[in-house]
């Protein structure tokens, strides 16, 4: 049984907010603890998510800090 595979590329343009509402910006916490620092800690501890999830590791860290 032979199967054929084809590749398709989809592109989509998305308009996003700037400033405090920009993707990756989590309000006031990112002013005090920059996301680059959180990403560095996740890399150092080897806890960066492998798959794309609805709640990324970075957001989980900020959630715990906000508690």
C-alpha atoms as a PDB file:
ATOM      1  CA  UNK A   1       0.000   0.000   0.000  1.00  0.00           C
ATOM      2  CA  UNK A   2       1.544   3.245  -1.061  1.00  0.00           C
ATOM      3  CA  UNK A   3       0.661   6.579   0.476  1.00  0.00           C
ATOM      4  CA  UNK A   4       1.344  10.064  -0.753  1.00  0.00           C
ATOM      5  CA  UNK A   5       2.174  13.010   1.437  1.00  0.00           C
ATOM      6  CA  UNK A   6       1.939  16.648   0.528  1.00  0.00           C
ATOM      7  CA  UNK A   7       3.101  19.737   2.327  1.00  0.00           C
ATOM      8  CA  UNK A   8       1.026  22.862   2.675  1.00  0.00           C
ATOM      9  CA  UNK A   9       2.146  26.175   4.187  1.00  0.00           C
ATOM     10  CA  UNK A  10      -0.443  28.502   5.727  1.00  0.00           C
ATOM     11  CA  UNK A  11       0.329  32.085   6.633  1.00  0.00           C
ATOM     12  CA  UNK A  12      -1.805  34.350   8.739  1.00  0.00           C
ATOM     13  CA  UNK A  13      -1.332  37.980   9.727  1.00  0.00           C
ATOM     14  CA  UNK A  14      -2.398  38.853  13.256  1.00  0.00           C
ATOM     15  CA  UNK A  15      -2.593  42.298  14.831  1.00  0.00           C
ATOM     16  CA  UNK A  16      -1.640  42.313  18.509  1.00  0.00           C
ATOM     17  CA  UNK A  17      -1.753  44.928  21.226  1.00  0.00           C
ATOM     18  CA  UNK A  18       1.287  46.878  22.348  1.00  0.00           C
ATOM     19  CA  UNK A  19       2.470  47.918  25.791  1.00  0.00           C
ATOM     20  CA  UNK A  20       0.934  46.264  28.848  1.00  0.00           C
ATOM     21  CA  UNK A  21      -1.371  44.205  26.633  1.00  0.00           C
ATOM     22  CA  UNK A  22       1.367  42.862  24.329  1.00  0.00           C
ATOM     23  CA  UNK A  23       1.875  39.087  24.067  1.00  0.00           C
ATOM     24  CA  UNK A  24       4.313  37.903  26.713  1.00  0.00           C
ATOM     25  CA  UNK A  25       3.712  40.968  28.886  1.00  0.00           C
ATOM     26  CA  UNK A  26       1.972  40.019  32.107  1.00  0.00           C
ATOM     27  CA  UNK A  27       1.102  43.343  33.633  1.00  0.00           C
ATOM     28  CA  UNK A  28       3.029  44.797  36.520  1.00  0.00           C
ATOM     29  CA  UNK A  29       5.030  41.666  37.296  1.00  0.00           C
ATOM     30  CA  UNK A  30       7.107  41.963  34.138  1.00  0.00           C
ATOM     31  CA  UNK A  31       8.191  45.440  35.212  1.00  0.00           C
ATOM     32  CA  UNK A  32       9.880  43.938  38.294  1.00  0.00           C
ATOM     33  CA  UNK A  33      10.799  40.474  37.019  1.00  0.00           C
ATOM     34  CA  UNK A  34      11.581  40.592  33.292  1.00  0.00           C
ATOM     35  CA  UNK A  35      10.502  37.631  31.178  1.00  0.00           C
ATOM     36  CA  UNK A  36      14.114  37.166  30.022  1.00  0.00           C
ATOM     37  CA  UNK A  37      15.039  36.313  33.618  1.00  0.00           C
ATOM     38  CA  UNK A  38      12.157  33.850  33.918  1.00  0.00           C
ATOM     39  CA  UNK A  39      13.134  32.230  30.595  1.00  0.00           C
ATOM     40  CA  UNK A  40      16.752  31.966  31.783  1.00  0.00           C
ATOM     41  CA  UNK A  41      15.695  30.253  35.029  1.00  0.00           C
ATOM     42  CA  UNK A  42      13.458  27.835  33.102  1.00  0.00           C
ATOM     43  CA  UNK A  43      16.382  26.951  30.818  1.00  0.00           C
ATOM     44  CA  UNK A  44      18.804  26.547  33.733  1.00  0.00           C
ATOM     45  CA  UNK A  45      16.414  24.199  35.554  1.00  0.00           C
ATOM     46  CA  UNK A  46      15.526  22.369  32.296  1.00  0.00           C
ATOM     47  CA  UNK A  47      11.800  22.928  32.857  1.00  0.00           C
ATOM     48  CA  UNK A  48      10.870  24.675  29.589  1.00  0.00           C
ATOM     49  CA  UNK A  49       7.823  23.067  28.038  1.00  0.00           C
ATOM     50  CA  UNK A  50       8.495  20.876  25.023  1.00  0.00           C
ATOM     51  CA  UNK A  51       5.057  21.218  23.442  1.00  0.00           C
ATOM     52  CA  UNK A  52       3.048  24.382  22.875  1.00  0.00           C
ATOM     53  CA  UNK A  53       0.428  24.556  25.614  1.00  0.00           C
ATOM     54  CA  UNK A  54      -2.383  26.900  26.544  1.00  0.00           C
ATOM     55  CA  UNK A  55      -0.510  27.786  29.739  1.00  0.00           C
ATOM     56  CA  UNK A  56       3.227  28.068  28.988  1.00  0.00           C
ATOM     57  CA  UNK A  57       5.854  27.548  31.685  1.00  0.00           C
ATOM     58  CA  UNK A  58       6.588  31.289  31.782  1.00  0.00           C
ATOM     59  CA  UNK A  59       2.959  32.114  32.574  1.00  0.00           C
ATOM     60  CA  UNK A  60       2.914  29.417  35.269  1.00  0.00           C
ATOM     61  CA  UNK A  61       5.903  31.063  36.955  1.00  0.00           C
ATOM     62  CA  UNK A  62       4.245  34.486  36.929  1.00  0.00           C
ATOM     63  CA  UNK A  63       1.027  32.932  38.261  1.00  0.00           C
ATOM     64  CA  UNK A  64       2.871  31.441  41.232  1.00  0.00           C
ATOM     65  CA  UNK A  65       4.650  34.752  41.865  1.00  0.00           C
ATOM     66  CA  UNK A  66       1.329  36.605  41.775  1.00  0.00           C
ATOM     67  CA  UNK A  67      -0.096  34.352  44.476  1.00  0.00           C
END
